[in-house]
C-alpha atoms as a PDB file:
ATOM      1  CA  UNK A   1     -17.918   1.312  -6.805  1.00  0.00           C
ATOM      2  CA  UNK A   2     -15.469   2.133 -10.251  1.00  0.00           C
ATOM      3  CA  UNK A   3     -12.321   3.292 -11.085  1.00  0.00           C
ATOM      4  CA  UNK A   4     -11.830   6.801 -11.371  1.00  0.00           C
ATOM      5  CA  UNK A   5      -8.564   7.251 -11.949  1.00  0.00           C
ATOM      6  CA  UNK A   6      -5.105   5.177 -12.465  1.00  0.00           C
ATOM      7  CA  UNK A   7      -1.570   6.562 -12.123  1.00  0.00           C
ATOM      8  CA  UNK A   8       2.110   5.698 -11.935  1.00  0.00           C
ATOM      9  CA  UNK A   9       4.008   4.958  -9.363  1.00  0.00           C
ATOM     10  CA  UNK A  10       7.041   3.832  -7.749  1.00  0.00           C
ATOM     11  CA  UNK A  11       5.492   3.551  -4.445  1.00  0.00           C
ATOM     12  CA  UNK A  12       7.371   0.676  -2.103  1.00  0.00           C
ATOM     13  CA  UNK A  13       4.186  -0.241  -0.263  1.00  0.00           C
ATOM     14  CA  UNK A  14       3.124  -3.671  -0.064  1.00  0.00           C
ATOM     15  CA  UNK A  15       1.146  -5.006  -2.989  1.00  0.00           C
ATOM     16  CA  UNK A  16       0.203  -7.700  -4.989  1.00  0.00           C
ATOM     17  CA  UNK A  17       3.283  -6.329  -8.032  1.00  0.00           C
ATOM     18  CA  UNK A  18       6.495  -8.438  -9.265  1.00  0.00           C
ATOM     19  CA  UNK A  19       7.928  -4.595 -10.180  1.00  0.00           C
ATOM     20  CA  UNK A  20       8.606  -1.292  -9.073  1.00  0.00           C
ATOM     21  CA  UNK A  21       7.016   0.102 -12.122  1.00  0.00           C
ATOM     22  CA  UNK A  22       3.990   0.001 -11.250  1.00  0.00           C
ATOM     23  CA  UNK A  23       0.026   1.550 -11.064  1.00  0.00           C
ATOM     24  CA  UNK A  24      -2.459   2.705  -8.663  1.00  0.00           C
ATOM     25  CA  UNK A  25      -5.856   2.346  -9.424  1.00  0.00           C
ATOM     26  CA  UNK A  26      -8.148   4.559  -7.276  1.00  0.00           C
ATOM     27  CA  UNK A  27     -12.159   4.506  -7.328  1.00  0.00           C
ATOM     28  CA  UNK A  28     -14.480   7.363  -5.766  1.00  0.00           C
ATOM     29  CA  UNK A  29     -14.527   6.011  -2.128  1.00  0.00           C
ATOM     30  CA  UNK A  30     -10.919   6.612  -1.895  1.00  0.00           C
ATOM     31  CA  UNK A  31      -9.982   2.939  -1.943  1.00  0.00           C
ATOM     32  CA  UNK A  32      -6.913   2.068  -4.003  1.00  0.00           C
ATOM     33  CA  UNK A  33      -5.073  -0.897  -5.356  1.00  0.00           C
ATOM     34  CA  UNK A  34      -1.234  -0.974  -6.590  1.00  0.00           C
ATOM     35  CA  UNK A  35      -0.532  -3.147  -9.685  1.00  0.00           C
ATOM     36  CA  UNK A  36       2.023  -3.691 -12.217  1.00  0.00           C
ATOM     37  CA  UNK A  37       0.456  -4.933 -15.378  1.00  0.00           C
ATOM     38  CA  UNK A  38       2.526  -7.267 -18.199  1.00  0.00           C
ATOM     39  CA  UNK A  39       1.326  -5.010 -20.972  1.00  0.00           C
ATOM     40  CA  UNK A  40       0.412  -1.387 -19.322  1.00  0.00           C
ATOM     41  CA  UNK A  41      -0.589   0.553 -22.577  1.00  0.00           C
ATOM     42  CA  UNK A  42      -3.244  -2.600 -23.505  1.00  0.00           C
ATOM     43  CA  UNK A  43      -4.421  -2.592 -19.791  1.00  0.00           C
ATOM     44  CA  UNK A  44      -5.334   1.220 -19.692  1.00  0.00           C
ATOM     45  CA  UNK A  45      -6.544   1.104 -23.687  1.00  0.00           C
ATOM     46  CA  UNK A  46      -8.937  -1.971 -22.484  1.00  0.00           C
ATOM     47  CA  UNK A  47      -9.880  -0.050 -19.270  1.00  0.00           C
ATOM     48  CA  UNK A  48     -10.870   3.176 -21.236  1.00  0.00           C
ATOM     49  CA  UNK A  49     -12.933   0.757 -23.671  1.00  0.00           C
ATOM     50  CA  UNK A  50     -14.938  -0.403 -20.716  1.00  0.00           C
ATOM     51  CA  UNK A  51     -15.104   3.242 -19.082  1.00  0.00           C
ATOM     52  CA  UNK A  52     -13.892   6.126 -20.618  1.00  0.00           C
ATOM     53  CA  UNK A  53     -14.337   8.435 -18.076  1.00  0.00           C
ATOM     54  CA  UNK A  54     -11.154   7.154 -16.397  1.00  0.00           C
ATOM     55  CA  UNK A  55      -8.695  10.146 -15.641  1.00  0.00           C
ATOM     56  CA  UNK A  56      -5.041   8.500 -16.413  1.00  0.00           C
ATOM     57  CA  UNK A  57      -2.251  10.642 -14.064  1.00  0.00           C
ATOM     58  CA  UNK A  58       0.573  10.637 -15.353  1.00  0.00           C
END
């Protein structure tokens, strides 16, 4: 299982995120988690260094 897509979201679903400016991370098996990293750009850059095939959706 690996991350396939990351998208911005403002969903109100319960999630371990302290902000409504969130990201939803999905895998190839239709699982997802909603997070709110402190520094989104840095977080995305580090994930893309590990797996450059991740699709970033606006």
